[in-house]
Amino acid sequence: MSLVLAGLITFYPPAVARMGHGMLTLLIWGVCAGFVHGFGYQPDSRAWRVIFAPLPAWLLMVAGLYGALRGMHG
């Protein structure tokens, strides 16, 4: 999902153009966390493990995808 959303943001910006900056920031955070988890990297610091945890990443990506699809259709 990270790859799909990164491609959507990069190659079709109108899909996310109607999102607010705050929501877009959360979406990009979710994409980054998804890549970090997807590559199997485990940060040493507990704080970084929480920031890049897979559950928040998935939730942010699903919310971002919903926002992008909603932005494309209206």
PDB file of N, CA and C in Angstrom:
ATOM      1  N   MET A   1       0.826  -1.179   0.000  1.00  0.00           N
ATOM      2  CA  MET A   1       0.000   0.000   0.000  1.00  0.00           C
ATOM      3  C   MET A   1       0.880   1.255   0.000  1.00  0.00           C
ATOM      4  N   SER A   2       2.023   1.165   0.670  1.00  0.00           N
ATOM      5  CA  SER A   2       2.929   2.316   0.699  1.00  0.00           C
ATOM      6  C   SER A   2       3.375   2.695  -0.705  1.00  0.00           C
ATOM      7  N   LEU A   3       3.716   1.693  -1.495  1.00  0.00           N
ATOM      8  CA  LEU A   3       4.172   1.944  -2.859  1.00  0.00           C
ATOM      9  C   LEU A   3       3.070   2.567  -3.710  1.00  0.00           C
ATOM     10  N   VAL A   4       1.866   2.069  -3.571  1.00  0.00           N
ATOM     11  CA  VAL A   4       0.730   2.604  -4.337  1.00  0.00           C
ATOM     12  C   VAL A   4       0.465   4.065  -3.953  1.00  0.00           C
ATOM     13  N   LEU A   5       0.443   4.341  -2.666  1.00  0.00           N
ATOM     14  CA  LEU A   5       0.178   5.713  -2.223  1.00  0.00           C
ATOM     15  C   LEU A   5       1.316   6.652  -2.584  1.00  0.00           C
ATOM     16  N   ALA A   6       2.560   6.191  -2.489  1.00  0.00           N
ATOM     17  CA  ALA A   6       3.692   7.028  -2.888  1.00  0.00           C
ATOM     18  C   ALA A   6       3.603   7.345  -4.380  1.00  0.00           C
ATOM     19  N   GLY A   7       3.231   6.349  -5.185  1.00  0.00           N
ATOM     20  CA  GLY A   7       3.046   6.588  -6.614  1.00  0.00           C
ATOM     21  C   GLY A   7       1.902   7.541  -6.898  1.00  0.00           C
ATOM     22  N   LEU A   8       0.824   7.405  -6.150  1.00  0.00           N
ATOM     23  CA  LEU A   8      -0.326   8.295  -6.316  1.00  0.00           C
ATOM     24  C   LEU A   8       0.053   9.736  -6.000  1.00  0.00           C
ATOM     25  N   ILE A   9       0.761   9.937  -4.902  1.00  0.00           N
ATOM     26  CA  ILE A   9       1.180  11.278  -4.509  1.00  0.00           C
ATOM     27  C   ILE A   9       2.146  11.864  -5.538  1.00  0.00           C
ATOM     28  N   THR A  10       3.057  11.037  -6.041  1.00  0.00           N
ATOM     29  CA  THR A  10       4.094  11.510  -6.961  1.00  0.00           C
ATOM     30  C   THR A  10       3.565  11.730  -8.370  1.00  0.00           C
ATOM     31  N   PHE A  11       2.824  10.778  -8.900  1.00  0.00           N
ATOM     32  CA  PHE A  11       2.454  10.816 -10.304  1.00  0.00           C
ATOM     33  C   PHE A  11       1.050  11.340 -10.585  1.00  0.00           C
ATOM     34  N   TYR A  12       0.210  11.457  -9.570  1.00  0.00           N
ATOM     35  CA  TYR A  12      -1.130  12.012  -9.767  1.00  0.00           C
ATOM     36  C   TYR A  12      -1.487  12.913  -8.588  1.00  0.00           C
ATOM     37  N   PRO A  13      -0.801  14.056  -8.470  1.00  0.00           N
ATOM     38  CA  PRO A  13      -1.038  14.966  -7.344  1.00  0.00           C
ATOM     39  C   PRO A  13      -2.468  15.493  -7.217  1.00  0.00           C
ATOM     40  N   PRO A  14      -3.245  15.608  -8.312  1.00  0.00           N
ATOM     41  CA  PRO A  14      -4.620  16.071  -8.119  1.00  0.00           C
ATOM     42  C   PRO A  14      -5.443  15.182  -7.176  1.00  0.00           C
ATOM     43  N   ALA A  15      -5.035  13.919  -7.023  1.00  0.00           N
ATOM     44  CA  ALA A  15      -5.771  13.025  -6.129  1.00  0.00           C
ATOM     45  C   ALA A  15      -5.673  13.469  -4.679  1.00  0.00           C
ATOM     46  N   VAL A  16      -4.579  14.108  -4.329  1.00  0.00           N
ATOM     47  CA  VAL A  16      -4.391  14.543  -2.944  1.00  0.00           C
ATOM     48  C   VAL A  16      -4.424  16.061  -2.809  1.00  0.00           C
ATOM     49  N   ALA A  17      -4.700  16.757  -3.911  1.00  0.00           N
ATOM     50  CA  ALA A  17      -4.657  18.229  -3.893  1.00  0.00           C
ATOM     51  C   ALA A  17      -5.716  18.840  -2.984  1.00  0.00           C
ATOM     52  N   ARG A  18      -6.824  18.186  -2.820  1.00  0.00           N
ATOM     53  CA  ARG A  18      -7.901  18.747  -1.997  1.00  0.00           C
ATOM     54  C   ARG A  18      -7.747  18.427  -0.518  1.00  0.00           C
ATOM     55  N   MET A  19      -6.787  17.581  -0.187  1.00  0.00           N
ATOM     56  CA  MET A  19      -6.535  17.263   1.221  1.00  0.00           C
ATOM     57  C   MET A  19      -5.864  18.466   1.875  1.00  0.00           C
ATOM     58  N   GLY A  20      -6.138  18.653   3.113  1.00  0.00           N
ATOM     59  CA  GLY A  20      -5.455  19.698   3.848  1.00  0.00           C
ATOM     60  C   GLY A  20      -4.010  19.306   4.113  1.00  0.00           C
ATOM     61  N   HIS A  21      -3.197  20.292   4.448  1.00  0.00           N
ATOM     62  CA  HIS A  21      -1.796  20.006   4.709  1.00  0.00           C
ATOM     63  C   HIS A  21      -1.617  19.041   5.885  1.00  0.00           C
ATOM     64  N   GLY A  22      -2.464  19.166   6.886  1.00  0.00           N
ATOM     65  CA  GLY A  22      -2.369  18.276   8.041  1.00  0.00           C
ATOM     66  C   GLY A  22      -2.639  16.833   7.667  1.00  0.00           C
ATOM     67  N   MET A  23      -3.682  16.599   6.888  1.00  0.00           N
ATOM     68  CA  MET A  23      -4.017  15.237   6.474  1.00  0.00           C
ATOM     69  C   MET A  23      -2.955  14.680   5.533  1.00  0.00           C
ATOM     70  N   LEU A  24      -2.429  15.529   4.642  1.00  0.00           N
ATOM     71  CA  LEU A  24      -1.381  15.075   3.733  1.00  0.00           C
ATOM     72  C   LEU A  24      -0.110  14.720   4.510  1.00  0.00           C
ATOM     73  N   THR A  25       0.194  15.488   5.542  1.00  0.00           N
ATOM     74  CA  THR A  25       1.345  15.182   6.386  1.00  0.00           C
ATOM     75  C   THR A  25       1.172  13.835   7.066  1.00  0.00           C
ATOM     76  N   LEU A  26      -0.018  13.561   7.583  1.00  0.00           N
ATOM     77  CA  LEU A  26      -0.286  12.268   8.214  1.00  0.00           C
ATOM     78  C   LEU A  26      -0.209  11.129   7.200  1.00  0.00           C
ATOM     79  N   LEU A  27      -0.694  11.380   5.988  1.00  0.00           N
ATOM     80  CA  LEU A  27      -0.622  10.366   4.937  1.00  0.00           C
ATOM     81  C   LEU A  27       0.829  10.032   4.616  1.00  0.00           C
ATOM     82  N   ILE A  28       1.656  11.052   4.460  1.00  0.00           N
ATOM     83  CA  ILE A  28       3.065  10.816   4.134  1.00  0.00           C
ATOM     84  C   ILE A  28       3.770  10.122   5.294  1.00  0.00           C
ATOM     85  N   TRP A  29       3.409  10.471   6.519  1.00  0.00           N
ATOM     86  CA  TRP A  29       3.969   9.775   7.687  1.00  0.00           C
ATOM     87  C   TRP A  29       3.603   8.290   7.624  1.00  0.00           C
ATOM     88  N   GLY A  30       2.345   7.999   7.311  1.00  0.00           N
ATOM     89  CA  GLY A  30       1.920   6.603   7.194  1.00  0.00           C
ATOM     90  C   GLY A  30       2.665   5.863   6.099  1.00  0.00           C
ATOM     91  N   VAL A  31       2.883   6.528   4.964  1.00  0.00           N
ATOM     92  CA  VAL A  31       3.617   5.913   3.860  1.00  0.00           C
ATOM     93  C   VAL A  31       5.059   5.634   4.290  1.00  0.00           C
ATOM     94  N   CYS A  32       5.687   6.605   4.932  1.00  0.00           N
ATOM     95  CA  CYS A  32       7.073   6.409   5.398  1.00  0.00           C
ATOM     96  C   CYS A  32       7.153   5.276   6.419  1.00  0.00           C
ATOM     97  N   ALA A  33       6.228   5.264   7.354  1.00  0.00           N
ATOM     98  CA  ALA A  33       6.217   4.196   8.355  1.00  0.00           C
ATOM     99  C   ALA A  33       5.947   2.844   7.705  1.00  0.00           C
ATOM    100  N   GLY A  34       5.113   2.836   6.684  1.00  0.00           N
ATOM    101  CA  GLY A  34       4.857   1.597   5.958  1.00  0.00           C
ATOM    102  C   GLY A  34       6.099   1.075   5.259  1.00  0.00           C
ATOM    103  N   PHE A  35       6.879   1.979   4.658  1.00  0.00           N
ATOM    104  CA  PHE A  35       8.132   1.565   4.033  1.00  0.00           C
ATOM    105  C   PHE A  35       9.125   1.065   5.075  1.00  0.00           C
ATOM    106  N   VAL A  36       9.244   1.764   6.190  1.00  0.00           N
ATOM    107  CA  VAL A  36      10.172   1.346   7.245  1.00  0.00           C
ATOM    108  C   VAL A  36       9.809  -0.053   7.732  1.00  0.00           C
ATOM    109  N   HIS A  37       8.538  -0.275   8.003  1.00  0.00           N
ATOM    110  CA  HIS A  37       8.111  -1.593   8.467  1.00  0.00           C
ATOM    111  C   HIS A  37       8.236  -2.641   7.361  1.00  0.00           C
ATOM    112  N   GLY A  38       7.886  -2.259   6.148  1.00  0.00           N
ATOM    113  CA  GLY A  38       7.927  -3.190   5.032  1.00  0.00           C
ATOM    114  C   GLY A  38       9.321  -3.703   4.719  1.00  0.00           C
ATOM    115  N   PHE A  39      10.322  -2.853   4.911  1.00  0.00           N
ATOM    116  CA  PHE A  39      11.699  -3.283   4.675  1.00  0.00           C
ATOM    117  C   PHE A  39      12.261  -4.070   5.852  1.00  0.00           C
ATOM    118  N   GLY A  40      11.499  -4.139   6.949  1.00  0.00           N
ATOM    119  CA  GLY A  40      11.915  -4.942   8.084  1.00  0.00           C
ATOM    120  C   GLY A  40      12.849  -4.246   9.050  1.00  0.00           C
ATOM    121  N   TYR A  41      12.992  -2.957   8.926  1.00  0.00           N
ATOM    122  CA  TYR A  41      13.881  -2.212   9.823  1.00  0.00           C
ATOM    123  C   TYR A  41      13.244  -2.085  11.203  1.00  0.00           C
ATOM    124  N   GLN A  42      13.993  -2.360  12.247  1.00  0.00           N
ATOM    125  CA  GLN A  42      13.532  -2.226  13.631  1.00  0.00           C
ATOM    126  C   GLN A  42      14.401  -1.194  14.335  1.00  0.00           C
ATOM    127  N   PRO A  43      13.886   0.012  14.553  1.00  0.00           N
ATOM    128  CA  PRO A  43      14.683   1.024  15.251  1.00  0.00           C
ATOM    129  C   PRO A  43      15.040   0.570  16.673  1.00  0.00           C
ATOM    130  N   ASP A  44      16.197   1.027  17.153  1.00  0.00           N
ATOM    131  CA  ASP A  44      16.633   0.676  18.503  1.00  0.00           C
ATOM    132  C   ASP A  44      15.841   1.421  19.560  1.00  0.00           C
ATOM    133  N   SER A  45      15.562   2.673  19.323  1.00  0.00           N
ATOM    134  CA  SER A  45      14.862   3.518  20.292  1.00  0.00           C
ATOM    135  C   SER A  45      13.379   3.149  20.364  1.00  0.00           C
ATOM    136  N   ARG A  46      12.869   3.090  21.563  1.00  0.00           N
ATOM    137  CA  ARG A  46      11.452   2.772  21.751  1.00  0.00           C
ATOM    138  C   ARG A  46      10.556   3.834  21.109  1.00  0.00           C
ATOM    139  N   ALA A  47      10.962   5.095  21.210  1.00  0.00           N
ATOM    140  CA  ALA A  47      10.172   6.184  20.617  1.00  0.00           C
ATOM    141  C   ALA A  47      10.049   6.011  19.111  1.00  0.00           C
ATOM    142  N   TRP A  48      11.143   5.675  18.442  1.00  0.00           N
ATOM    143  CA  TRP A  48      11.088   5.486  16.993  1.00  0.00           C
ATOM    144  C   TRP A  48      10.283   4.249  16.618  1.00  0.00           C
ATOM    145  N   ARG A  49      10.339   3.222  17.457  1.00  0.00           N
ATOM    146  CA  ARG A  49       9.522   2.028  17.186  1.00  0.00           C
ATOM    147  C   ARG A  49       8.038   2.357  17.247  1.00  0.00           C
ATOM    148  N   VAL A  50       7.653   3.240  18.173  1.00  0.00           N
ATOM    149  CA  VAL A  50       6.255   3.659  18.279  1.00  0.00           C
ATOM    150  C   VAL A  50       5.872   4.508  17.069  1.00  0.00           C
ATOM    151  N   ILE A  51       6.744   5.419  16.676  1.00  0.00           N
ATOM    152  CA  ILE A  51       6.458   6.315  15.546  1.00  0.00           C
ATOM    153  C   ILE A  51       6.320   5.534  14.244  1.00  0.00           C
ATOM    154  N   PHE A  52       7.147   4.505  14.067  1.00  0.00           N
ATOM    155  CA  PHE A  52       7.128   3.726  12.829  1.00  0.00           C
ATOM    156  C   PHE A  52       6.436   2.376  12.984  1.00  0.00           C
ATOM    157  N   ALA A  53       5.542   2.253  13.948  1.00  0.00           N
ATOM    158  CA  ALA A  53       4.814   1.002  14.171  1.00  0.00           C
ATOM    159  C   ALA A  53       3.858   0.724  13.001  1.00  0.00           C
ATOM    160  N   PRO A  54       3.618  -0.536  12.698  1.00  0.00           N
ATOM    161  CA  PRO A  54       2.790  -0.864  11.535  1.00  0.00           C
ATOM    162  C   PRO A  54       1.308  -0.516  11.690  1.00  0.00           C
ATOM    163  N   LEU A  55       0.738  -0.661  12.878  1.00  0.00           N
ATOM    164  CA  LEU A  55      -0.696  -0.386  13.027  1.00  0.00           C
ATOM    165  C   LEU A  55      -1.030   1.079  12.739  1.00  0.00           C
ATOM    166  N   PRO A  56      -0.342   2.057  13.335  1.00  0.00           N
ATOM    167  CA  PRO A  56      -0.641   3.444  12.970  1.00  0.00           C
ATOM    168  C   PRO A  56      -0.365   3.724  11.491  1.00  0.00           C
ATOM    169  N   ALA A  57       0.669   3.081  10.954  1.00  0.00           N
ATOM    170  CA  ALA A  57       0.977   3.283   9.535  1.00  0.00           C
ATOM    171  C   ALA A  57      -0.189   2.846   8.663  1.00  0.00           C
ATOM    172  N   TRP A  58      -0.721   1.657   8.933  1.00  0.00           N
ATOM    173  CA  TRP A  58      -1.859   1.163   8.148  1.00  0.00           C
ATOM    174  C   TRP A  58      -3.083   2.059   8.307  1.00  0.00           C
ATOM    175  N   LEU A  59      -3.344   2.470   9.533  1.00  0.00           N
ATOM    176  CA  LEU A  59      -4.510   3.340   9.765  1.00  0.00           C
ATOM    177  C   LEU A  59      -4.365   4.664   9.020  1.00  0.00           C
ATOM    178  N   LEU A  60      -3.170   5.246   9.069  1.00  0.00           N
ATOM    179  CA  LEU A  60      -2.945   6.506   8.363  1.00  0.00           C
ATOM    180  C   LEU A  60      -3.042   6.322   6.851  1.00  0.00           C
ATOM    181  N   MET A  61      -2.528   5.220   6.345  1.00  0.00           N
ATOM    182  CA  MET A  61      -2.594   4.980   4.904  1.00  0.00           C
ATOM    183  C   MET A  61      -4.024   4.730   4.438  1.00  0.00           C
ATOM    184  N   VAL A  62      -4.789   3.983   5.200  1.00  0.00           N
ATOM    185  CA  VAL A  62      -6.194   3.736   4.825  1.00  0.00           C
ATOM    186  C   VAL A  62      -6.985   5.039   4.861  1.00  0.00           C
ATOM    187  N   ALA A  63      -6.772   5.846   5.900  1.00  0.00           N
ATOM    188  CA  ALA A  63      -7.450   7.141   5.980  1.00  0.00           C
ATOM    189  C   ALA A  63      -7.018   8.046   4.829  1.00  0.00           C
ATOM    190  N   GLY A  64      -5.738   8.023   4.487  1.00  0.00           N
ATOM    191  CA  GLY A  64      -5.248   8.831   3.370  1.00  0.00           C
ATOM    192  C   GLY A  64      -5.792   8.371   2.032  1.00  0.00           C
ATOM    193  N   LEU A  65      -5.878   7.066   1.850  1.00  0.00           N
ATOM    194  CA  LEU A  65      -6.450   6.545   0.602  1.00  0.00           C
ATOM    195  C   LEU A  65      -7.918   6.929   0.489  1.00  0.00           C
ATOM    196  N   TYR A  66      -8.633   6.829   1.596  1.00  0.00           N
ATOM    197  CA  TYR A  66     -10.034   7.258   1.606  1.00  0.00           C
ATOM    198  C   TYR A  66     -10.135   8.747   1.242  1.00  0.00           C
ATOM    199  N   GLY A  67      -9.282   9.566   1.833  1.00  0.00           N
ATOM    200  CA  GLY A  67      -9.288  10.998   1.531  1.00  0.00           C
ATOM    201  C   GLY A  67      -8.927  11.291   0.085  1.00  0.00           C
ATOM    202  N   ALA A  68      -7.973  10.546  -0.458  1.00  0.00           N
ATOM    203  CA  ALA A  68      -7.583  10.748  -1.849  1.00  0.00           C
ATOM    204  C   ALA A  68      -8.698  10.339  -2.798  1.00  0.00           C
ATOM    205  N   LEU A  69      -9.339   9.205  -2.522  1.00  0.00           N
ATOM    206  CA  LEU A  69     -10.442   8.767  -3.378  1.00  0.00           C
ATOM    207  C   LEU A  69     -11.619   9.738  -3.283  1.00  0.00           C
ATOM    208  N   ARG A  70     -11.853  10.234  -2.098  1.00  0.00           N
ATOM    209  CA  ARG A  70     -12.921  11.209  -1.908  1.00  0.00           C
ATOM    210  C   ARG A  70     -12.612  12.514  -2.646  1.00  0.00           C
ATOM    211  N   GLY A  71     -11.331  12.901  -2.654  1.00  0.00           N
ATOM    212  CA  GLY A  71     -10.908  14.114  -3.356  1.00  0.00           C
ATOM    213  C   GLY A  71     -11.016  13.995  -4.866  1.00  0.00           C
ATOM    214  N   MET A  72     -10.835  12.780  -5.383  1.00  0.00           N
ATOM    215  CA  MET A  72     -10.906  12.582  -6.833  1.00  0.00           C
ATOM    216  C   MET A  72     -12.349  12.622  -7.327  1.00  0.00           C
ATOM    217  N   HIS A  73     -13.299  12.298  -6.454  1.00  0.00           N
ATOM    218  CA  HIS A  73     -14.689  12.200  -6.895  1.00  0.00           C
ATOM    219  C   HIS A  73     -15.577  13.320  -6.374  1.00  0.00           C
ATOM    220  N   GLY A  74     -14.989  14.343  -5.887  1.00  0.00           N
ATOM    221  CA  GLY A  74     -15.923  15.370  -5.469  1.00  0.00           C
ATOM    222  C   GLY A  74     -15.389  16.315  -4.528  1.00  0.00           C
TER     223      GLY A  74
END
